């Protein structure tokens, strides 16, 4: 069965991580983030 996948617009996967981290943290106050001077 052939399936069609359409690009809805190019995005970087690191931004997907940032969005997922934020959403997960909204629902769980135990989530913390640590970074090696690369938050941006």
ModelCIF file with pLDDT and N, C-alpha, C, O atoms, coordinates in Angstrom:
data_MODEL
#
_entry.id   MODEL 
#
_entity.id                         1 
_entity.type                       polymer 
_entity.pdbx_number_of_molecules   1 
#
_entity_poly.entity_id                      1 
_entity_poly.type                           'polypeptide(L)' 
_entity_poly.nstd_linkage                   no 
_entity_poly.nstd_monomer                   no 
_entity_poly.pdbx_seq_one_letter_code       
;(UNK)(UNK)(UNK)(UNK)(UNK)(UNK)(UNK)(UNK)(UNK)(UNK)(UNK)(UNK)(UNK)(UNK)(UNK)(UNK)
(UNK)(UNK)(UNK)(UNK)(UNK)(UNK)(UNK)(UNK)(UNK)(UNK)(UNK)(UNK)(UNK)(UNK)(UNK)(UNK)
(UNK)(UNK)(UNK)(UNK)(UNK)(UNK)(UNK)(UNK)
;
_entity_poly.pdbx_seq_one_letter_code_can   XXXXXXXXXXXXXXXXXXXXXXXXXXXXXXXXXXXXXXXX 
_entity_poly.pdbx_strand_id                 A 
#
loop_
_entity_poly_seq.entity_id 
_entity_poly_seq.num 
_entity_poly_seq.mon_id 
_entity_poly_seq.hetero 
1 1  UNK n 
1 2  UNK n 
1 3  UNK n 
1 4  UNK n 
1 5  UNK n 
1 6  UNK n 
1 7  UNK n 
1 8  UNK n 
1 9  UNK n 
1 10 UNK n 
1 11 UNK n 
1 12 UNK n 
1 13 UNK n 
1 14 UNK n 
1 15 UNK n 
1 16 UNK n 
1 17 UNK n 
1 18 UNK n 
1 19 UNK n 
1 20 UNK n 
1 21 UNK n 
1 22 UNK n 
1 23 UNK n 
1 24 UNK n 
1 25 UNK n 
1 26 UNK n 
1 27 UNK n 
1 28 UNK n 
1 29 UNK n 
1 30 UNK n 
1 31 UNK n 
1 32 UNK n 
1 33 UNK n 
1 34 UNK n 
1 35 UNK n 
1 36 UNK n 
1 37 UNK n 
1 38 UNK n 
1 39 UNK n 
1 40 UNK n 
#
_struct_asym.id          A 
_struct_asym.entity_id   1 
#
loop_
_ma_qa_metric.id 
_ma_qa_metric.mode 
_ma_qa_metric.name 
_ma_qa_metric.software_group_id 
_ma_qa_metric.type 
1 global pLDDT . pLDDT 
2 local  pLDDT . pLDDT 
#
_ma_qa_metric_global.metric_id      1 
_ma_qa_metric_global.metric_value   92.90 
_ma_qa_metric_global.model_id       1 
_ma_qa_metric_global.ordinal_id     1 
#
loop_
_ma_qa_metric_local.label_asym_id 
_ma_qa_metric_local.label_comp_id 
_ma_qa_metric_local.label_seq_id 
_ma_qa_metric_local.metric_id 
_ma_qa_metric_local.metric_value 
_ma_qa_metric_local.model_id 
_ma_qa_metric_local.ordinal_id 
A UNK 1  2 54.00 1 1  
A UNK 2  2 61.00 1 2  
A UNK 3  2 69.00 1 3  
A UNK 4  2 78.00 1 4  
A UNK 5  2 89.00 1 5  
A UNK 6  2 91.00 1 6  
A UNK 7  2 93.00 1 7  
A UNK 8  2 91.00 1 8  
A UNK 9  2 94.00 1 9  
A UNK 10 2 96.00 1 10 
A UNK 11 2 97.00 1 11 
A UNK 12 2 97.00 1 12 
A UNK 13 2 97.00 1 13 
A UNK 14 2 97.00 1 14 
A UNK 15 2 97.00 1 15 
A UNK 16 2 98.00 1 16 
A UNK 17 2 98.00 1 17 
A UNK 18 2 98.00 1 18 
A UNK 19 2 98.00 1 19 
A UNK 20 2 98.00 1 20 
A UNK 21 2 98.00 1 21 
A UNK 22 2 98.00 1 22 
A UNK 23 2 98.00 1 23 
A UNK 24 2 98.00 1 24 
A UNK 25 2 98.00 1 25 
A UNK 26 2 97.00 1 26 
A UNK 27 2 93.00 1 27 
A UNK 28 2 98.00 1 28 
A UNK 29 2 97.00 1 29 
A UNK 30 2 98.00 1 30 
A UNK 31 2 98.00 1 31 
A UNK 32 2 98.00 1 32 
A UNK 33 2 98.00 1 33 
A UNK 34 2 98.00 1 34 
A UNK 35 2 96.00 1 35 
A UNK 36 2 94.00 1 36 
A UNK 37 2 93.00 1 37 
A UNK 38 2 93.00 1 38 
A UNK 39 2 91.00 1 39 
A UNK 40 2 93.00 1 40 
#
loop_
_atom_site.group_PDB 
_atom_site.id 
_atom_site.type_symbol 
_atom_site.label_atom_id 
_atom_site.label_alt_id 
_atom_site.label_comp_id 
_atom_site.label_asym_id 
_atom_site.label_entity_id 
_atom_site.label_seq_id 
_atom_site.pdbx_PDB_ins_code 
_atom_site.Cartn_x 
_atom_site.Cartn_y 
_atom_site.Cartn_z 
_atom_site.occupancy 
_atom_site.B_iso_or_equiv 
_atom_site.pdbx_formal_charge 
_atom_site.auth_seq_id 
_atom_site.auth_comp_id 
_atom_site.auth_asym_id 
_atom_site.auth_atom_id 
_atom_site.pdbx_PDB_model_num 
ATOM 1   N N  . UNK A 1 1  ? 0.839  -1.197 0.000  1.00 54.00 ? 1  UNK A N  1 
ATOM 2   C CA . UNK A 1 1  ? 0.000  0.000  0.000  1.00 54.00 ? 1  UNK A CA 1 
ATOM 3   C C  . UNK A 1 1  ? 0.873  1.245  0.000  1.00 54.00 ? 1  UNK A C  1 
ATOM 4   O O  . UNK A 1 1  ? 1.692  1.433  0.900  1.00 54.00 ? 1  UNK A O  1 
ATOM 5   N N  . UNK A 1 2  ? 0.705  2.085  -0.991 1.00 61.00 ? 2  UNK A N  1 
ATOM 6   C CA . UNK A 1 2  ? 1.497  3.302  -1.086 1.00 61.00 ? 2  UNK A CA 1 
ATOM 7   C C  . UNK A 1 2  ? 0.869  4.388  -0.212 1.00 61.00 ? 2  UNK A C  1 
ATOM 8   O O  . UNK A 1 2  ? -0.339 4.618  -0.264 1.00 61.00 ? 2  UNK A O  1 
ATOM 9   N N  . UNK A 1 3  ? 1.697  5.046  0.584  1.00 69.00 ? 3  UNK A N  1 
ATOM 10  C CA . UNK A 1 3  ? 1.233  6.134  1.425  1.00 69.00 ? 3  UNK A CA 1 
ATOM 11  C C  . UNK A 1 3  ? 1.941  7.424  1.011  1.00 69.00 ? 3  UNK A C  1 
ATOM 12  O O  . UNK A 1 3  ? 3.092  7.397  0.576  1.00 69.00 ? 3  UNK A O  1 
ATOM 13  N N  . UNK A 1 4  ? 1.256  8.529  1.149  1.00 78.00 ? 4  UNK A N  1 
ATOM 14  C CA . UNK A 1 4  ? 1.814  9.816  0.742  1.00 78.00 ? 4  UNK A CA 1 
ATOM 15  C C  . UNK A 1 4  ? 2.144  10.642 1.975  1.00 78.00 ? 4  UNK A C  1 
ATOM 16  O O  . UNK A 1 4  ? 1.304  10.848 2.852  1.00 78.00 ? 4  UNK A O  1 
ATOM 17  N N  . UNK A 1 5  ? 3.386  11.111 2.021  1.00 89.00 ? 5  UNK A N  1 
ATOM 18  C CA . UNK A 1 5  ? 3.816  11.981 3.118  1.00 89.00 ? 5  UNK A CA 1 
ATOM 19  C C  . UNK A 1 5  ? 4.214  13.327 2.535  1.00 89.00 ? 5  UNK A C  1 
ATOM 20  O O  . UNK A 1 5  ? 5.026  13.407 1.613  1.00 89.00 ? 5  UNK A O  1 
ATOM 21  N N  . UNK A 1 6  ? 3.635  14.372 3.082  1.00 91.00 ? 6  UNK A N  1 
ATOM 22  C CA . UNK A 1 6  ? 3.828  15.720 2.542  1.00 91.00 ? 6  UNK A CA 1 
ATOM 23  C C  . UNK A 1 6  ? 4.605  16.558 3.538  1.00 91.00 ? 6  UNK A C  1 
ATOM 24  O O  . UNK A 1 6  ? 4.294  16.573 4.729  1.00 91.00 ? 6  UNK A O  1 
ATOM 25  N N  . UNK A 1 7  ? 5.612  17.253 3.046  1.00 93.00 ? 7  UNK A N  1 
ATOM 26  C CA . UNK A 1 7  ? 6.391  18.160 3.876  1.00 93.00 ? 7  UNK A CA 1 
ATOM 27  C C  . UNK A 1 7  ? 5.560  19.389 4.206  1.00 93.00 ? 7  UNK A C  1 
ATOM 28  O O  . UNK A 1 7  ? 5.175  20.144 3.313  1.00 93.00 ? 7  UNK A O  1 
ATOM 29  N N  . UNK A 1 8  ? 5.281  19.588 5.497  1.00 91.00 ? 8  UNK A N  1 
ATOM 30  C CA . UNK A 1 8  ? 4.475  20.738 5.917  1.00 91.00 ? 8  UNK A CA 1 
ATOM 31  C C  . UNK A 1 8  ? 5.322  21.992 6.110  1.00 91.00 ? 8  UNK A C  1 
ATOM 32  O O  . UNK A 1 8  ? 4.812  23.033 6.526  1.00 91.00 ? 8  UNK A O  1 
ATOM 33  N N  . UNK A 1 9  ? 6.619  21.891 5.804  1.00 94.00 ? 9  UNK A N  1 
ATOM 34  C CA . UNK A 1 9  ? 7.528  23.025 5.979  1.00 94.00 ? 9  UNK A CA 1 
ATOM 35  C C  . UNK A 1 9  ? 8.764  22.591 6.724  1.00 94.00 ? 9  UNK A C  1 
ATOM 36  O O  . UNK A 1 9  ? 8.670  21.866 7.714  1.00 94.00 ? 9  UNK A O  1 
ATOM 37  N N  . UNK A 1 10 ? 9.918  23.019 6.267  1.00 96.00 ? 10 UNK A N  1 
ATOM 38  C CA . UNK A 1 10 ? 11.169 22.596 6.906  1.00 96.00 ? 10 UNK A CA 1 
ATOM 39  C C  . UNK A 1 10 ? 11.326 23.194 8.302  1.00 96.00 ? 10 UNK A C  1 
ATOM 40  O O  . UNK A 1 10 ? 11.086 24.383 8.516  1.00 96.00 ? 10 UNK A O  1 
ATOM 41  N N  . UNK A 1 11 ? 11.730 22.349 9.243  1.00 97.00 ? 11 UNK A N  1 
ATOM 42  C CA . UNK A 1 11 ? 11.998 22.783 10.610 1.00 97.00 ? 11 UNK A CA 1 
ATOM 43  C C  . UNK A 1 11 ? 13.192 21.990 11.141 1.00 97.00 ? 11 UNK A C  1 
ATOM 44  O O  . UNK A 1 11 ? 13.449 20.868 10.703 1.00 97.00 ? 11 UNK A O  1 
ATOM 45  N N  . UNK A 1 12 ? 13.909 22.578 12.079 1.00 97.00 ? 12 UNK A N  1 
ATOM 46  C CA . UNK A 1 12 ? 15.033 21.872 12.694 1.00 97.00 ? 12 UNK A CA 1 
ATOM 47  C C  . UNK A 1 12 ? 14.532 20.985 13.826 1.00 97.00 ? 12 UNK A C  1 
ATOM 48  O O  . UNK A 1 12 ? 13.621 21.355 14.566 1.00 97.00 ? 12 UNK A O  1 
ATOM 49  N N  . UNK A 1 13 ? 15.141 19.811 13.949 1.00 97.00 ? 13 UNK A N  1 
ATOM 50  C CA . UNK A 1 13 ? 14.691 18.883 14.977 1.00 97.00 ? 13 UNK A CA 1 
ATOM 51  C C  . UNK A 1 13 ? 15.053 19.346 16.390 1.00 97.00 ? 13 UNK A C  1 
ATOM 52  O O  . UNK A 1 13 ? 14.393 18.961 17.356 1.00 97.00 ? 13 UNK A O  1 
ATOM 53  N N  . UNK A 1 14 ? 16.104 20.175 16.515 1.00 97.00 ? 14 UNK A N  1 
ATOM 54  C CA . UNK A 1 14 ? 16.435 20.693 17.849 1.00 97.00 ? 14 UNK A CA 1 
ATOM 55  C C  . UNK A 1 14 ? 15.289 21.560 18.396 1.00 97.00 ? 14 UNK A C  1 
ATOM 56  O O  . UNK A 1 14 ? 15.069 21.606 19.607 1.00 97.00 ? 14 UNK A O  1 
ATOM 57  N N  . UNK A 1 15 ? 14.564 22.242 17.508 1.00 97.00 ? 15 UNK A N  1 
ATOM 58  C CA . UNK A 1 15 ? 13.405 23.019 17.960 1.00 97.00 ? 15 UNK A CA 1 
ATOM 59  C C  . UNK A 1 15 ? 12.272 22.105 18.402 1.00 97.00 ? 15 UNK A C  1 
ATOM 60  O O  . UNK A 1 15 ? 11.501 22.452 19.297 1.00 97.00 ? 15 UNK A O  1 
ATOM 61  N N  . UNK A 1 16 ? 12.172 20.930 17.770 1.00 98.00 ? 16 UNK A N  1 
ATOM 62  C CA . UNK A 1 16 ? 11.202 19.938 18.227 1.00 98.00 ? 16 UNK A CA 1 
ATOM 63  C C  . UNK A 1 16 ? 11.528 19.482 19.642 1.00 98.00 ? 16 UNK A C  1 
ATOM 64  O O  . UNK A 1 16 ? 10.629 19.285 20.459 1.00 98.00 ? 16 UNK A O  1 
ATOM 65  N N  . UNK A 1 17 ? 12.817 19.316 19.929 1.00 98.00 ? 17 UNK A N  1 
ATOM 66  C CA . UNK A 1 17 ? 13.226 18.970 21.286 1.00 98.00 ? 17 UNK A CA 1 
ATOM 67  C C  . UNK A 1 17 ? 12.837 20.071 22.264 1.00 98.00 ? 17 UNK A C  1 
ATOM 68  O O  . UNK A 1 17 ? 12.271 19.792 23.321 1.00 98.00 ? 17 UNK A O  1 
ATOM 69  N N  . UNK A 1 18 ? 13.138 21.317 21.919 1.00 98.00 ? 18 UNK A N  1 
ATOM 70  C CA . UNK A 1 18 ? 12.807 22.428 22.812 1.00 98.00 ? 18 UNK A CA 1 
ATOM 71  C C  . UNK A 1 18 ? 11.319 22.507 23.097 1.00 98.00 ? 18 UNK A C  1 
ATOM 72  O O  . UNK A 1 18 ? 10.913 22.755 24.232 1.00 98.00 ? 18 UNK A O  1 
ATOM 73  N N  . UNK A 1 19 ? 10.498 22.296 22.064 1.00 98.00 ? 19 UNK A N  1 
ATOM 74  C CA . UNK A 1 19 ? 9.047  22.343 22.239 1.00 98.00 ? 19 UNK A CA 1 
ATOM 75  C C  . UNK A 1 19 ? 8.565  21.175 23.092 1.00 98.00 ? 19 UNK A C  1 
ATOM 76  O O  . UNK A 1 19 ? 7.689  21.342 23.940 1.00 98.00 ? 19 UNK A O  1 
ATOM 77  N N  . UNK A 1 20 ? 9.136  19.995 22.869 1.00 98.00 ? 20 UNK A N  1 
ATOM 78  C CA . UNK A 1 20 ? 8.742  18.828 23.645 1.00 98.00 ? 20 UNK A CA 1 
ATOM 79  C C  . UNK A 1 20 ? 9.145  18.936 25.104 1.00 98.00 ? 20 UNK A C  1 
ATOM 80  O O  . UNK A 1 20 ? 8.387  18.558 25.998 1.00 98.00 ? 20 UNK A O  1 
ATOM 81  N N  . UNK A 1 21 ? 10.343 19.455 25.340 1.00 98.00 ? 21 UNK A N  1 
ATOM 82  C CA . UNK A 1 21 ? 10.810 19.647 26.713 1.00 98.00 ? 21 UNK A CA 1 
ATOM 83  C C  . UNK A 1 21 ? 9.896  20.606 27.460 1.00 98.00 ? 21 UNK A C  1 
ATOM 84  O O  . UNK A 1 21 ? 9.529  20.357 28.608 1.00 98.00 ? 21 UNK A O  1 
ATOM 85  N N  . UNK A 1 22 ? 9.534  21.692 26.813 1.00 98.00 ? 22 UNK A N  1 
ATOM 86  C CA . UNK A 1 22 ? 8.661  22.688 27.448 1.00 98.00 ? 22 UNK A CA 1 
ATOM 87  C C  . UNK A 1 22 ? 7.288  22.097 27.761 1.00 98.00 ? 22 UNK A C  1 
ATOM 88  O O  . UNK A 1 22 ? 6.753  22.292 28.852 1.00 98.00 ? 22 UNK A O  1 
ATOM 89  N N  . UNK A 1 23 ? 6.721  21.367 26.785 1.00 98.00 ? 23 UNK A N  1 
ATOM 90  C CA . UNK A 1 23 ? 5.390  20.787 26.994 1.00 98.00 ? 23 UNK A CA 1 
ATOM 91  C C  . UNK A 1 23 ? 5.410  19.740 28.100 1.00 98.00 ? 23 UNK A C  1 
ATOM 92  O O  . UNK A 1 23 ? 4.505  19.698 28.933 1.00 98.00 ? 23 UNK A O  1 
ATOM 93  N N  . UNK A 1 24 ? 6.431  18.903 28.112 1.00 98.00 ? 24 UNK A N  1 
ATOM 94  C CA . UNK A 1 24 ? 6.528  17.891 29.157 1.00 98.00 ? 24 UNK A CA 1 
ATOM 95  C C  . UNK A 1 24 ? 6.669  18.536 30.531 1.00 98.00 ? 24 UNK A C  1 
ATOM 96  O O  . UNK A 1 24 ? 6.094  18.061 31.510 1.00 98.00 ? 24 UNK A O  1 
ATOM 97  N N  . UNK A 1 25 ? 7.437  19.618 30.597 1.00 98.00 ? 25 UNK A N  1 
ATOM 98  C CA . UNK A 1 25 ? 7.677  20.300 31.872 1.00 98.00 ? 25 UNK A CA 1 
ATOM 99  C C  . UNK A 1 25 ? 6.433  20.998 32.396 1.00 98.00 ? 25 UNK A C  1 
ATOM 100 O O  . UNK A 1 25 ? 6.279  21.161 33.606 1.00 98.00 ? 25 UNK A O  1 
ATOM 101 N N  . UNK A 1 26 ? 5.549  21.408 31.507 1.00 97.00 ? 26 UNK A N  1 
ATOM 102 C CA . UNK A 1 26 ? 4.294  22.025 31.933 1.00 97.00 ? 26 UNK A CA 1 
ATOM 103 C C  . UNK A 1 26 ? 3.486  21.065 32.802 1.00 97.00 ? 26 UNK A C  1 
ATOM 104 O O  . UNK A 1 26 ? 2.794  21.480 33.733 1.00 97.00 ? 26 UNK A O  1 
ATOM 105 N N  . UNK A 1 27 ? 3.586  19.771 32.481 1.00 93.00 ? 27 UNK A N  1 
ATOM 106 C CA . UNK A 1 27 ? 2.770  18.763 33.155 1.00 93.00 ? 27 UNK A CA 1 
ATOM 107 C C  . UNK A 1 27 ? 3.512  18.012 34.250 1.00 93.00 ? 27 UNK A C  1 
ATOM 108 O O  . UNK A 1 27 ? 2.922  17.197 34.960 1.00 93.00 ? 27 UNK A O  1 
ATOM 109 N N  . UNK A 1 28 ? 4.807  18.285 34.389 1.00 98.00 ? 28 UNK A N  1 
ATOM 110 C CA . UNK A 1 28 ? 5.578  17.548 35.400 1.00 98.00 ? 28 UNK A CA 1 
ATOM 111 C C  . UNK A 1 28 ? 6.626  18.467 36.017 1.00 98.00 ? 28 UNK A C  1 
ATOM 112 O O  . UNK A 1 28 ? 7.647  18.747 35.388 1.00 98.00 ? 28 UNK A O  1 
ATOM 113 N N  . UNK A 1 29 ? 6.389  18.936 37.233 1.00 97.00 ? 29 UNK A N  1 
ATOM 114 C CA . UNK A 1 29 ? 7.322  19.872 37.871 1.00 97.00 ? 29 UNK A CA 1 
ATOM 115 C C  . UNK A 1 29 ? 8.651  19.233 38.263 1.00 97.00 ? 29 UNK A C  1 
ATOM 116 O O  . UNK A 1 29 ? 9.581  19.942 38.647 1.00 97.00 ? 29 UNK A O  1 
ATOM 117 N N  . UNK A 1 30 ? 8.758  17.907 38.174 1.00 98.00 ? 30 UNK A N  1 
ATOM 118 C CA . UNK A 1 30 ? 10.017 17.240 38.512 1.00 98.00 ? 30 UNK A CA 1 
ATOM 119 C C  . UNK A 1 30 ? 11.039 17.320 37.388 1.00 98.00 ? 30 UNK A C  1 
ATOM 120 O O  . UNK A 1 30 ? 12.213 17.021 37.605 1.00 98.00 ? 30 UNK A O  1 
ATOM 121 N N  . UNK A 1 31 ? 10.618 17.718 36.192 1.00 98.00 ? 31 UNK A N  1 
ATOM 122 C CA . UNK A 1 31 ? 11.543 17.829 35.067 1.00 98.00 ? 31 UNK A CA 1 
ATOM 123 C C  . UNK A 1 31 ? 12.422 19.063 35.249 1.00 98.00 ? 31 UNK A C  1 
ATOM 124 O O  . UNK A 1 31 ? 11.932 20.165 35.493 1.00 98.00 ? 31 UNK A O  1 
ATOM 125 N N  . UNK A 1 32 ? 13.728 18.852 35.125 1.00 98.00 ? 32 UNK A N  1 
ATOM 126 C CA . UNK A 1 32 ? 14.679 19.957 35.166 1.00 98.00 ? 32 UNK A CA 1 
ATOM 127 C C  . UNK A 1 32 ? 15.553 19.896 33.917 1.00 98.00 ? 32 UNK A C  1 
ATOM 128 O O  . UNK A 1 32 ? 15.611 18.862 33.250 1.00 98.00 ? 32 UNK A O  1 
ATOM 129 N N  . UNK A 1 33 ? 16.217 20.971 33.604 1.00 98.00 ? 33 UNK A N  1 
ATOM 130 C CA . UNK A 1 33 ? 17.079 21.024 32.426 1.00 98.00 ? 33 UNK A CA 1 
ATOM 131 C C  . UNK A 1 33 ? 18.465 21.514 32.821 1.00 98.00 ? 33 UNK A C  1 
ATOM 132 O O  . UNK A 1 33 ? 18.603 22.447 33.613 1.00 98.00 ? 33 UNK A O  1 
ATOM 133 N N  . UNK A 1 34 ? 19.472 20.887 32.272 1.00 98.00 ? 34 UNK A N  1 
ATOM 134 C CA . UNK A 1 34 ? 20.862 21.280 32.477 1.00 98.00 ? 34 UNK A CA 1 
ATOM 135 C C  . UNK A 1 34 ? 21.490 21.493 31.114 1.00 98.00 ? 34 UNK A C  1 
ATOM 136 O O  . UNK A 1 34 ? 21.168 20.785 30.160 1.00 98.00 ? 34 UNK A O  1 
ATOM 137 N N  . UNK A 1 35 ? 22.390 22.471 31.018 1.00 96.00 ? 35 UNK A N  1 
ATOM 138 C CA . UNK A 1 35 ? 22.982 22.770 29.721 1.00 96.00 ? 35 UNK A CA 1 
ATOM 139 C C  . UNK A 1 35 ? 24.438 23.182 29.872 1.00 96.00 ? 35 UNK A C  1 
ATOM 140 O O  . UNK A 1 35 ? 24.840 23.751 30.887 1.00 96.00 ? 35 UNK A O  1 
ATOM 141 N N  . UNK A 1 36 ? 25.219 22.881 28.837 1.00 94.00 ? 36 UNK A N  1 
ATOM 142 C CA . UNK A 1 36 ? 26.645 23.204 28.823 1.00 94.00 ? 36 UNK A CA 1 
ATOM 143 C C  . UNK A 1 36 ? 26.886 24.469 28.004 1.00 94.00 ? 36 UNK A C  1 
ATOM 144 O O  . UNK A 1 36 ? 27.589 24.452 26.994 1.00 94.00 ? 36 UNK A O  1 
ATOM 145 N N  . UNK A 1 37 ? 26.285 25.568 28.466 1.00 93.00 ? 37 UNK A N  1 
ATOM 146 C CA . UNK A 1 37 ? 26.460 26.876 27.835 1.00 93.00 ? 37 UNK A CA 1 
ATOM 147 C C  . UNK A 1 37 ? 25.932 26.919 26.413 1.00 93.00 ? 37 UNK A C  1 
ATOM 148 O O  . UNK A 1 37 ? 26.482 27.624 25.566 1.00 93.00 ? 37 UNK A O  1 
ATOM 149 N N  . UNK A 1 38 ? 24.855 26.162 26.140 1.00 93.00 ? 38 UNK A N  1 
ATOM 150 C CA . UNK A 1 38 ? 24.309 26.073 24.785 1.00 93.00 ? 38 UNK A CA 1 
ATOM 151 C C  . UNK A 1 38 ? 22.784 26.111 24.787 1.00 93.00 ? 38 UNK A C  1 
ATOM 152 O O  . UNK A 1 38 ? 22.142 25.459 23.963 1.00 93.00 ? 38 UNK A O  1 
ATOM 153 N N  . UNK A 1 39 ? 22.206 26.875 25.712 1.00 91.00 ? 39 UNK A N  1 
ATOM 154 C CA . UNK A 1 39 ? 20.751 26.891 25.847 1.00 91.00 ? 39 UNK A CA 1 
ATOM 155 C C  . UNK A 1 39 ? 20.070 27.335 24.560 1.00 91.00 ? 39 UNK A C  1 
ATOM 156 O O  . UNK A 1 39 ? 19.052 26.761 24.171 1.00 91.00 ? 39 UNK A O  1 
ATOM 157 N N  . UNK A 1 40 ? 20.614 28.347 23.894 1.00 93.00 ? 40 UNK A N  1 
ATOM 158 C CA . UNK A 1 40 ? 20.029 28.809 22.645 1.00 93.00 ? 40 UNK A CA 1 
ATOM 159 C C  . UNK A 1 40 ? 20.159 27.785 21.545 1.00 93.00 ? 40 UNK A C  1 
ATOM 160 O O  . UNK A 1 40 ? 19.712 28.025 20.423 1.00 93.00 ? 40 UNK A O  1 
#
